[in-house]
Amino acid sequence: MEPAELRRAVEAGRETASEMGLEVDDVVVIHNSDRVALRLVPCDVLARVAPLGQLTDSEFEVEVARRLVGVGAPVAEPEPRVAPRVLVRDAFATSLWTYYEPAGPAIAPADYADVLVRHHAALRRIDLDAPHVTDRIAGAVREVHDRGRSPELSDRDRELLGSTLSGLGAAISAERAGDQLLHGEPHPGNLLSTRRGPLFVDLATCCRGPVEFDLAHAPEEVAEYYAGADSGLIDRCRALNWAMFSAWRWRRDDRMPDREHWRVEGLHRVRAALERCGPG
């Protein structure tokens, strides 16, 4: 968020928590992107504050978390001192979560695979109406084909992203036998190392698809410890993930920090991932 919007988001998070009876003397910005994560002290709560346009996503995330906590999934929990819901203030949607102090070294590939296996098992135990990954792909395709929404994308790169998204998306859509609920984006930034062990965050991306789609977000070594994973499908999903990532970065209204770098890097990663997939 831009500085002026960030100040409003911080105040919305502060006032929302205060109205819920939590003591807030200070706010620390932990992450700033299209939505922000704030540590509220001394109550030690994590507030996730998003523009009102993301209200549906915020409500979905809280519901996913509520159900997964009920089956013992390795996920960050909504703040237990308040009801698990999203509150609206000053055009921002705020949800309140348990704050976890970072703990321990980087998560080893075997441990990463173990927590992902446990998370997938928990996801199979809940009943949730979630979009299929191909719905997300379709959204990225629309961004790429709409020149008004991605005016700075060159014709060459537009063709690259469009063909990658359409081709690999169709291939995944044709093979749905092993689909299940997924995290959606279990990359290292969404896996916390805590005193309780590794915990997944950012659950609004929950969707249906093959487990390989999740594995394609993790470090490459993780797949070696995930029994039964299809390495070829992981490669295709990795190319697909980078194509979606790149499509979002070329949106005119994208707010990701260091966007110019990631526009170039994203396209590079798409091409590298496609080379690994081989001909066709």
C-alpha atoms as a PDB file:
ATOM      1  CA  MET A   1       0.000   0.000   0.000  1.00  0.00           C
ATOM      2  CA  GLU A   2       1.044   3.572  -0.588  1.00  0.00           C
ATOM      3  CA  PRO A   3       1.987   5.550   2.563  1.00  0.00           C
ATOM      4  CA  ALA A   4      -1.339   7.386   2.898  1.00  0.00           C
ATOM      5  CA  GLU A   5      -3.369   4.193   2.450  1.00  0.00           C
ATOM      6  CA  LEU A   6      -1.052   2.316   4.797  1.00  0.00           C
ATOM      7  CA  ARG A   7      -1.627   4.890   7.549  1.00  0.00           C
ATOM      8  CA  ARG A   8      -5.389   4.438   7.178  1.00  0.00           C
ATOM      9  CA  ALA A   9      -5.038   0.644   7.208  1.00  0.00           C
ATOM     10  CA  VAL A  10      -2.914   0.760  10.374  1.00  0.00           C
ATOM     11  CA  GLU A  11      -5.481   2.953  12.103  1.00  0.00           C
ATOM     12  CA  ALA A  12      -8.324   0.692  10.974  1.00  0.00           C
ATOM     13  CA  GLY A  13      -6.530  -2.335  12.403  1.00  0.00           C
ATOM     14  CA  ARG A  14      -5.759  -0.542  15.656  1.00  0.00           C
ATOM     15  CA  GLU A  15      -9.295   0.729  16.187  1.00  0.00           C
ATOM     16  CA  THR A  16     -10.907  -2.577  15.213  1.00  0.00           C
ATOM     17  CA  ALA A  17      -8.863  -4.481  17.801  1.00  0.00           C
ATOM     18  CA  SER A  18      -9.493  -1.839  20.464  1.00  0.00           C
ATOM     19  CA  GLU A  19     -13.240  -2.027  19.864  1.00  0.00           C
ATOM     20  CA  MET A  20     -13.018  -5.795  20.428  1.00  0.00           C
ATOM     21  CA  GLY A  21     -11.559  -5.201  23.876  1.00  0.00           C
ATOM     22  CA  LEU A  22      -7.888  -5.794  23.043  1.00  0.00           C
ATOM     23  CA  GLU A  23      -5.235  -3.448  24.403  1.00  0.00           C
ATOM     24  CA  VAL A  24      -3.299  -1.695  21.620  1.00  0.00           C
ATOM     25  CA  ASP A  25      -0.597   0.829  22.464  1.00  0.00           C
ATOM     26  CA  ASP A  26       1.560   0.341  19.380  1.00  0.00           C
ATOM     27  CA  VAL A  27       1.433  -1.176  15.898  1.00  0.00           C
ATOM     28  CA  VAL A  28       4.317  -2.792  14.001  1.00  0.00           C
ATOM     29  CA  VAL A  29       3.969  -3.288  10.224  1.00  0.00           C
ATOM     30  CA  ILE A  30       5.182  -6.829   9.481  1.00  0.00           C
ATOM     31  CA  HIS A  31       4.210  -7.033   5.812  1.00  0.00           C
ATOM     32  CA  ASN A  32       2.957  -4.457   3.320  1.00  0.00           C
ATOM     33  CA  SER A  33       1.515  -5.516  -0.018  1.00  0.00           C
ATOM     34  CA  ASP A  34      -2.029  -5.336  -1.400  1.00  0.00           C
ATOM     35  CA  ARG A  35      -3.003  -6.077   2.190  1.00  0.00           C
ATOM     36  CA  VAL A  36      -0.975  -5.582   5.341  1.00  0.00           C
ATOM     37  CA  ALA A  37      -0.060  -7.663   8.384  1.00  0.00           C
ATOM     38  CA  LEU A  38       0.248  -5.751  11.640  1.00  0.00           C
ATOM     39  CA  ARG A  39       1.525  -6.834  15.049  1.00  0.00           C
ATOM     40  CA  LEU A  40      -0.544  -5.173  17.743  1.00  0.00           C
ATOM     41  CA  VAL A  41       1.072  -4.728  21.152  1.00  0.00           C
ATOM     42  CA  PRO A  42       0.827  -5.301  24.067  1.00  0.00           C
ATOM     43  CA  CYS A  43      -2.118  -7.608  23.261  1.00  0.00           C
ATOM     44  CA  ASP A  44       0.222  -9.445  20.846  1.00  0.00           C
ATOM     45  CA  VAL A  45      -2.292 -10.026  18.067  1.00  0.00           C
ATOM     46  CA  LEU A  46      -1.718 -10.177  14.321  1.00  0.00           C
ATOM     47  CA  ALA A  47      -4.161  -8.045  12.328  1.00  0.00           C
ATOM     48  CA  ARG A  48      -4.591  -8.675   8.618  1.00  0.00           C
ATOM     49  CA  VAL A  49      -6.025  -5.555   6.987  1.00  0.00           C
ATOM     50  CA  ALA A  50      -7.213  -5.502   3.368  1.00  0.00           C
ATOM     51  CA  PRO A  51      -9.068  -3.025   1.156  1.00  0.00           C
ATOM     52  CA  LEU A  52     -12.813  -3.567   1.237  1.00  0.00           C
ATOM     53  CA  GLY A  53     -12.659  -5.074  -2.252  1.00  0.00           C
ATOM     54  CA  GLN A  54     -11.006  -8.112  -0.669  1.00  0.00           C
ATOM     55  CA  LEU A  55     -13.737  -8.604   1.943  1.00  0.00           C
ATOM     56  CA  THR A  56     -14.935 -11.873   0.410  1.00  0.00           C
ATOM     57  CA  ASP A  57     -11.396 -13.280   0.366  1.00  0.00           C
ATOM     58  CA  SER A  58     -10.853 -12.241   3.991  1.00  0.00           C
ATOM     59  CA  GLU A  59     -14.097 -13.893   5.091  1.00  0.00           C
ATOM     60  CA  PHE A  60     -13.198 -17.048   3.156  1.00  0.00           C
ATOM     61  CA  GLU A  61      -9.787 -17.167   4.823  1.00  0.00           C
ATOM     62  CA  VAL A  62     -11.278 -16.971   8.314  1.00  0.00           C
ATOM     63  CA  GLU A  63     -13.769 -19.715   7.494  1.00  0.00           C
ATOM     64  CA  VAL A  64     -11.041 -21.983   6.100  1.00  0.00           C
ATOM     65  CA  ALA A  65      -8.944 -21.412   9.218  1.00  0.00           C
ATOM     66  CA  ARG A  66     -11.876 -22.056  11.545  1.00  0.00           C
ATOM     67  CA  ARG A  67     -12.612 -25.411   9.918  1.00  0.00           C
ATOM     68  CA  LEU A  68      -8.972 -26.484   9.727  1.00  0.00           C
ATOM     69  CA  VAL A  69      -8.294 -25.627  13.362  1.00  0.00           C
ATOM     70  CA  GLY A  70     -11.225 -27.898  14.211  1.00  0.00           C
ATOM     71  CA  VAL A  71      -9.445 -30.899  12.666  1.00  0.00           C
ATOM     72  CA  GLY A  72      -6.005 -30.105  14.084  1.00  0.00           C
ATOM     73  CA  ALA A  73      -4.405 -28.803  10.895  1.00  0.00           C
ATOM     74  CA  PRO A  74      -0.970 -27.147  11.115  1.00  0.00           C
ATOM     75  CA  VAL A  75      -2.271 -23.630  10.485  1.00  0.00           C
ATOM     76  CA  ALA A  76      -2.160 -20.273  12.231  1.00  0.00           C
ATOM     77  CA  GLU A  77      -5.277 -19.787  14.352  1.00  0.00           C
ATOM     78  CA  PRO A  78      -7.703 -16.878  14.527  1.00  0.00           C
ATOM     79  CA  GLU A  79      -7.243 -14.868  17.737  1.00  0.00           C
ATOM     80  CA  PRO A  80      -9.116 -16.882  20.427  1.00  0.00           C
ATOM     81  CA  ARG A  81     -10.090 -13.843  22.537  1.00  0.00           C
ATOM     82  CA  VAL A  82     -12.496 -12.578  19.872  1.00  0.00           C
ATOM     83  CA  ALA A  83     -15.044 -14.188  17.553  1.00  0.00           C
ATOM     84  CA  PRO A  84     -13.511 -15.507  14.290  1.00  0.00           C
ATOM     85  CA  ARG A  85     -14.919 -12.989  11.832  1.00  0.00           C
ATOM     86  CA  VAL A  86     -13.989 -10.050   9.602  1.00  0.00           C
ATOM     87  CA  LEU A  87     -14.803  -6.523  10.695  1.00  0.00           C
ATOM     88  CA  VAL A  88     -15.174  -3.531   8.372  1.00  0.00           C
ATOM     89  CA  ARG A  89     -13.941  -0.035   9.255  1.00  0.00           C
ATOM     90  CA  ASP A  90     -13.041   2.930   7.029  1.00  0.00           C
ATOM     91  CA  ALA A  91     -13.163   0.884   3.792  1.00  0.00           C
ATOM     92  CA  PHE A  92     -10.876  -1.825   5.221  1.00  0.00           C
ATOM     93  CA  ALA A  93     -11.600  -5.431   6.198  1.00  0.00           C
ATOM     94  CA  THR A  94      -9.732  -6.591   9.299  1.00  0.00           C
ATOM     95  CA  SER A  95      -9.306 -10.095  10.708  1.00  0.00           C
ATOM     96  CA  LEU A  96      -7.481 -10.860  13.953  1.00  0.00           C
ATOM     97  CA  TRP A  97      -5.080 -13.783  14.381  1.00  0.00           C
ATOM     98  CA  THR A  98      -2.766 -15.366  16.914  1.00  0.00           C
ATOM     99  CA  TYR A  99       0.712 -13.864  16.677  1.00  0.00           C
ATOM    100  CA  TYR A 100       3.558 -16.407  16.585  1.00  0.00           C
ATOM    101  CA  GLU A 101       7.104 -15.459  17.473  1.00  0.00           C
ATOM    102  CA  PRO A 102       9.570 -16.736  14.839  1.00  0.00           C
ATOM    103  CA  ALA A 103      11.454 -19.725  16.218  1.00  0.00           C
ATOM    104  CA  GLY A 104      14.224 -22.028  15.092  1.00  0.00           C
ATOM    105  CA  PRO A 105      16.226 -22.325  11.873  1.00  0.00           C
ATOM    106  CA  ALA A 106      14.894 -22.584   8.338  1.00  0.00           C
ATOM    107  CA  ILE A 107      12.497 -25.482   7.817  1.00  0.00           C
ATOM    108  CA  ALA A 108      14.309 -28.510   6.362  1.00  0.00           C
ATOM    109  CA  PRO A 109      12.890 -30.090   3.178  1.00  0.00           C
ATOM    110  CA  ALA A 110      11.850 -33.299   4.981  1.00  0.00           C
ATOM    111  CA  ASP A 111       9.991 -31.278   7.635  1.00  0.00           C
ATOM    112  CA  TYR A 112       8.433 -29.090   4.959  1.00  0.00           C
ATOM    113  CA  ALA A 113       7.114 -32.189   3.184  1.00  0.00           C
ATOM    114  CA  ASP A 114       5.840 -33.641   6.462  1.00  0.00           C
ATOM    115  CA  VAL A 115       3.823 -30.555   7.372  1.00  0.00           C
ATOM    116  CA  LEU A 116       2.430 -30.365   3.827  1.00  0.00           C
ATOM    117  CA  VAL A 117       1.364 -34.029   3.996  1.00  0.00           C
ATOM    118  CA  ARG A 118      -0.371 -33.347   7.332  1.00  0.00           C
ATOM    119  CA  HIS A 119      -1.997 -30.220   5.950  1.00  0.00           C
ATOM    120  CA  HIS A 120      -3.317 -32.079   2.911  1.00  0.00           C
ATOM    121  CA  ALA A 121      -4.673 -34.827   5.180  1.00  0.00           C
ATOM    122  CA  ALA A 122      -6.509 -32.220   7.268  1.00  0.00           C
ATOM    123  CA  LEU A 123      -7.919 -30.584   4.133  1.00  0.00           C
ATOM    124  CA  ARG A 124      -9.395 -33.939   3.120  1.00  0.00           C
ATOM    125  CA  ARG A 125     -11.308 -33.976   6.416  1.00  0.00           C
ATOM    126  CA  ILE A 126     -13.273 -30.768   5.859  1.00  0.00           C
ATOM    127  CA  ASP A 127     -16.163 -30.005   3.534  1.00  0.00           C
ATOM    128  CA  LEU A 128     -15.646 -26.655   1.842  1.00  0.00           C
ATOM    129  CA  ASP A 129     -16.922 -25.007  -1.308  1.00  0.00           C
ATOM    130  CA  ALA A 130     -13.684 -23.801  -2.905  1.00  0.00           C
ATOM    131  CA  PRO A 131     -12.796 -22.880  -6.501  1.00  0.00           C
ATOM    132  CA  HIS A 132     -10.790 -25.212  -8.685  1.00  0.00           C
ATOM    133  CA  VAL A 133      -7.289 -24.102  -9.587  1.00  0.00           C
ATOM    134  CA  THR A 134      -8.471 -23.753 -13.181  1.00  0.00           C
ATOM    135  CA  ASP A 135     -10.748 -20.914 -12.045  1.00  0.00           C
ATOM    136  CA  ARG A 136      -7.667 -19.037 -10.860  1.00  0.00           C
ATOM    137  CA  ILE A 137      -5.944 -19.815 -14.152  1.00  0.00           C
ATOM    138  CA  ALA A 138      -8.927 -18.423 -16.055  1.00  0.00           C
ATOM    139  CA  GLY A 139      -8.639 -15.198 -14.065  1.00  0.00           C
ATOM    140  CA  ALA A 140      -4.972 -14.876 -15.027  1.00  0.00           C
ATOM    141  CA  VAL A 141      -5.826 -15.525 -18.687  1.00  0.00           C
ATOM    142  CA  ARG A 142      -8.331 -12.667 -18.606  1.00  0.00           C
ATOM    143  CA  GLU A 143      -5.670 -10.316 -17.232  1.00  0.00           C
ATOM    144  CA  VAL A 144      -3.236 -11.284 -19.998  1.00  0.00           C
ATOM    145  CA  HIS A 145      -5.747 -10.951 -22.840  1.00  0.00           C
ATOM    146  CA  ASP A 146      -7.129  -7.613 -21.642  1.00  0.00           C
ATOM    147  CA  ARG A 147      -4.694  -5.003 -22.950  1.00  0.00           C
ATOM    148  CA  GLY A 148      -6.435  -2.346 -20.938  1.00  0.00           C
ATOM    149  CA  ARG A 149      -5.602  -4.186 -17.707  1.00  0.00           C
ATOM    150  CA  SER A 150      -2.026  -5.091 -18.711  1.00  0.00           C
ATOM    151  CA  PRO A 151      -1.033  -2.300 -21.146  1.00  0.00           C
ATOM    152  CA  GLU A 152       2.741  -2.582 -20.609  1.00  0.00           C
ATOM    153  CA  LEU A 153       2.977  -6.297 -21.440  1.00  0.00           C
ATOM    154  CA  SER A 154       4.694  -6.805 -24.821  1.00  0.00           C
ATOM    155  CA  ASP A 155       3.009  -8.832 -27.567  1.00  0.00           C
ATOM    156  CA  ARG A 156       5.756 -11.478 -27.319  1.00  0.00           C
ATOM    157  CA  ASP A 157       5.370 -11.904 -23.567  1.00  0.00           C
ATOM    158  CA  ARG A 158       1.589 -11.720 -23.796  1.00  0.00           C
ATOM    159  CA  GLU A 159       1.686 -14.674 -26.201  1.00  0.00           C
ATOM    160  CA  LEU A 160       4.068 -16.573 -23.892  1.00  0.00           C
ATOM    161  CA  LEU A 161       1.858 -16.135 -20.833  1.00  0.00           C
ATOM    162  CA  GLY A 162      -1.388 -16.716 -22.688  1.00  0.00           C
ATOM    163  CA  SER A 163      -0.254 -19.965 -24.324  1.00  0.00           C
ATOM    164  CA  THR A 164       1.334 -21.258 -21.107  1.00  0.00           C
ATOM    165  CA  LEU A 165      -1.745 -20.564 -19.016  1.00  0.00           C
ATOM    166  CA  SER A 166      -4.190 -21.955 -21.572  1.00  0.00           C
ATOM    167  CA  GLY A 167      -2.151 -25.019 -22.507  1.00  0.00           C
ATOM    168  CA  LEU A 168      -1.114 -26.150 -19.040  1.00  0.00           C
ATOM    169  CA  GLY A 169      -4.462 -25.165 -17.573  1.00  0.00           C
ATOM    170  CA  ALA A 170      -6.260 -27.403 -20.052  1.00  0.00           C
ATOM    171  CA  ALA A 171      -3.928 -30.298 -19.230  1.00  0.00           C
ATOM    172  CA  ILE A 172      -4.619 -29.991 -15.484  1.00  0.00           C
ATOM    173  CA  SER A 173      -8.343 -29.631 -16.071  1.00  0.00           C
ATOM    174  CA  ALA A 174      -8.382 -32.920 -17.982  1.00  0.00           C
ATOM    175  CA  GLU A 175      -6.840 -34.862 -15.066  1.00  0.00           C
ATOM    176  CA  ARG A 176      -9.068 -34.322 -12.021  1.00  0.00           C
ATOM    177  CA  ALA A 177      -9.206 -37.853 -10.600  1.00  0.00           C
ATOM    178  CA  GLY A 178      -6.776 -37.101  -7.772  1.00  0.00           C
ATOM    179  CA  ASP A 179      -7.947 -33.575  -6.992  1.00  0.00           C
ATOM    180  CA  GLN A 180      -8.503 -32.454  -3.411  1.00  0.00           C
ATOM    181  CA  LEU A 181      -8.569 -29.264  -1.356  1.00  0.00           C
ATOM    182  CA  LEU A 182      -5.204 -27.491  -1.378  1.00  0.00           C
ATOM    183  CA  HIS A 183      -3.537 -24.615   0.408  1.00  0.00           C
ATOM    184  CA  GLY A 184      -3.100 -22.933  -2.982  1.00  0.00           C
ATOM    185  CA  GLU A 185       0.174 -21.090  -2.319  1.00  0.00           C
ATOM    186  CA  PRO A 186       2.236 -22.957   0.319  1.00  0.00           C
ATOM    187  CA  HIS A 187       5.499 -21.203  -0.578  1.00  0.00           C
ATOM    188  CA  PRO A 188       8.142 -20.563   2.140  1.00  0.00           C
ATOM    189  CA  GLY A 189       6.716 -17.110   2.859  1.00  0.00           C
ATOM    190  CA  ASN A 190       3.447 -18.753   3.922  1.00  0.00           C
ATOM    191  CA  LEU A 191       5.006 -21.334   6.261  1.00  0.00           C
ATOM    192  CA  LEU A 192       6.016 -20.032   9.676  1.00  0.00           C
ATOM    193  CA  SER A 193       8.612 -21.651  11.890  1.00  0.00           C
ATOM    194  CA  THR A 194       7.133 -21.395  15.405  1.00  0.00           C
ATOM    195  CA  ARG A 195       7.571 -22.996  18.828  1.00  0.00           C
ATOM    196  CA  ARG A 196       4.524 -25.122  17.940  1.00  0.00           C
ATOM    197  CA  GLY A 197       6.258 -26.310  14.786  1.00  0.00           C
ATOM    198  CA  PRO A 198       5.694 -25.186  11.179  1.00  0.00           C
ATOM    199  CA  LEU A 199       2.324 -23.507  10.579  1.00  0.00           C
ATOM    200  CA  PHE A 200       0.731 -22.427   7.316  1.00  0.00           C
ATOM    201  CA  VAL A 201      -0.724 -18.933   6.918  1.00  0.00           C
ATOM    202  CA  ASP A 202      -2.504 -17.000   4.136  1.00  0.00           C
ATOM    203  CA  LEU A 203      -5.344 -19.474   3.673  1.00  0.00           C
ATOM    204  CA  ALA A 204      -7.449 -17.352   1.309  1.00  0.00           C
ATOM    205  CA  THR A 205      -5.831 -19.146  -1.650  1.00  0.00           C
ATOM    206  CA  CYS A 206      -7.462 -22.489  -0.730  1.00  0.00           C
ATOM    207  CA  CYS A 207      -8.654 -24.232  -3.899  1.00  0.00           C
ATOM    208  CA  ARG A 208      -9.091 -27.682  -5.444  1.00  0.00           C
ATOM    209  CA  GLY A 209      -6.527 -29.419  -7.615  1.00  0.00           C
ATOM    210  CA  PRO A 210      -3.695 -31.966  -7.588  1.00  0.00           C
ATOM    211  CA  VAL A 211      -1.288 -31.977  -4.629  1.00  0.00           C
ATOM    212  CA  GLU A 212       1.475 -31.340  -7.163  1.00  0.00           C
ATOM    213  CA  PHE A 213       0.096 -27.820  -7.591  1.00  0.00           C
ATOM    214  CA  ASP A 214       0.949 -27.141  -3.939  1.00  0.00           C
ATOM    215  CA  LEU A 215       4.306 -28.894  -4.195  1.00  0.00           C
ATOM    216  CA  ALA A 216       5.244 -26.633  -7.108  1.00  0.00           C
ATOM    217  CA  HIS A 217       5.204 -23.688  -4.678  1.00  0.00           C
ATOM    218  CA  ALA A 218       7.627 -25.334  -2.257  1.00  0.00           C
ATOM    219  CA  PRO A 219      11.422 -25.562  -2.623  1.00  0.00           C
ATOM    220  CA  GLU A 220      12.297 -28.232  -5.182  1.00  0.00           C
ATOM    221  CA  GLU A 221      13.892 -30.570  -2.616  1.00  0.00           C
ATOM    222  CA  VAL A 222      10.592 -30.929  -0.757  1.00  0.00           C
ATOM    223  CA  ALA A 223       9.057 -33.152  -3.448  1.00  0.00           C
ATOM    224  CA  GLU A 224      11.707 -35.818  -2.780  1.00  0.00           C
ATOM    225  CA  TYR A 225      10.124 -36.421   0.626  1.00  0.00           C
ATOM    226  CA  TYR A 226       6.476 -36.334  -0.479  1.00  0.00           C
ATOM    227  CA  ALA A 227       5.530 -39.925  -1.307  1.00  0.00           C
ATOM    228  CA  GLY A 228       3.727 -40.563  -4.577  1.00  0.00           C
ATOM    229  CA  ALA A 229       4.220 -37.125  -6.105  1.00  0.00           C
ATOM    230  CA  ASP A 230       4.413 -36.925  -9.909  1.00  0.00           C
ATOM    231  CA  SER A 231       7.627 -35.047 -10.740  1.00  0.00           C
ATOM    232  CA  GLY A 232       6.523 -34.272 -14.305  1.00  0.00           C
ATOM    233  CA  LEU A 233       3.257 -32.775 -13.081  1.00  0.00           C
ATOM    234  CA  ILE A 234       5.154 -30.726 -10.502  1.00  0.00           C
ATOM    235  CA  ASP A 235       7.288 -29.259 -13.305  1.00  0.00           C
ATOM    236  CA  ARG A 236       4.189 -28.352 -15.314  1.00  0.00           C
ATOM    237  CA  CYS A 237       2.515 -26.826 -12.260  1.00  0.00           C
ATOM    238  CA  ARG A 238       5.652 -24.818 -11.494  1.00  0.00           C
ATOM    239  CA  ALA A 239       5.572 -23.309 -14.995  1.00  0.00           C
ATOM    240  CA  LEU A 240       1.869 -22.619 -14.535  1.00  0.00           C
ATOM    241  CA  ASN A 241       2.420 -20.975 -11.146  1.00  0.00           C
ATOM    242  CA  TRP A 242       5.082 -18.649 -12.519  1.00  0.00           C
ATOM    243  CA  ALA A 243       2.838 -17.766 -15.461  1.00  0.00           C
ATOM    244  CA  MET A 244       0.024 -16.804 -13.057  1.00  0.00           C
ATOM    245  CA  PHE A 245       2.454 -14.886 -10.875  1.00  0.00           C
ATOM    246  CA  SER A 246       3.688 -12.972 -13.922  1.00  0.00           C
ATOM    247  CA  ALA A 247       0.155 -12.245 -15.101  1.00  0.00           C
ATOM    248  CA  TRP A 248      -0.630 -10.570 -11.758  1.00  0.00           C
ATOM    249  CA  ARG A 249       2.582  -8.508 -11.841  1.00  0.00           C
ATOM    250  CA  TRP A 250       1.740  -7.041 -15.257  1.00  0.00           C
ATOM    251  CA  ARG A 251      -1.638  -5.777 -14.095  1.00  0.00           C
ATOM    252  CA  ARG A 252      -1.813  -2.010 -14.285  1.00  0.00           C
ATOM    253  CA  ASP A 253      -3.023  -1.794 -10.672  1.00  0.00           C
ATOM    254  CA  ASP A 254      -0.675  -4.403  -9.149  1.00  0.00           C
ATOM    255  CA  ARG A 255       0.739  -3.252  -5.802  1.00  0.00           C
ATOM    256  CA  MET A 256       3.449  -5.792  -5.093  1.00  0.00           C
ATOM    257  CA  PRO A 257       6.644  -4.179  -3.725  1.00  0.00           C
ATOM    258  CA  ASP A 258       9.549  -4.189  -6.211  1.00  0.00           C
ATOM    259  CA  ARG A 259       7.085  -4.941  -8.996  1.00  0.00           C
ATOM    260  CA  GLU A 260       9.427  -3.948 -11.837  1.00  0.00           C
ATOM    261  CA  HIS A 261      11.999  -6.517 -10.733  1.00  0.00           C
ATOM    262  CA  TRP A 262       9.394  -9.264 -10.424  1.00  0.00           C
ATOM    263  CA  ARG A 263       7.903  -8.489 -13.819  1.00  0.00           C
ATOM    264  CA  VAL A 264      11.238  -9.350 -15.442  1.00  0.00           C
ATOM    265  CA  GLU A 265      12.125 -12.164 -13.057  1.00  0.00           C
ATOM    266  CA  GLY A 266       8.692 -13.761 -13.370  1.00  0.00           C
ATOM    267  CA  LEU A 267       8.963 -14.065 -17.152  1.00  0.00           C
ATOM    268  CA  HIS A 268      12.468 -15.491 -16.773  1.00  0.00           C
ATOM    269  CA  ARG A 269      11.141 -18.105 -14.352  1.00  0.00           C
ATOM    270  CA  VAL A 270       8.323 -19.038 -16.742  1.00  0.00           C
ATOM    271  CA  ARG A 271      10.781 -19.725 -19.560  1.00  0.00           C
ATOM    272  CA  ALA A 272      13.121 -21.709 -17.303  1.00  0.00           C
ATOM    273  CA  ALA A 273      10.240 -23.815 -15.986  1.00  0.00           C
ATOM    274  CA  LEU A 274       8.962 -24.534 -19.505  1.00  0.00           C
ATOM    275  CA  GLU A 275      12.414 -25.731 -20.546  1.00  0.00           C
ATOM    276  CA  ARG A 276      12.324 -28.259 -17.711  1.00  0.00           C
ATOM    277  CA  CYS A 277       8.962 -29.521 -18.936  1.00  0.00           C
ATOM    278  CA  GLY A 278      10.505 -30.459 -22.285  1.00  0.00           C
ATOM    279  CA  PRO A 279       8.873 -30.463 -25.738  1.00  0.00           C
ATOM    280  CA  GLY A 280       5.098 -30.130 -25.814  1.00  0.00           C
END
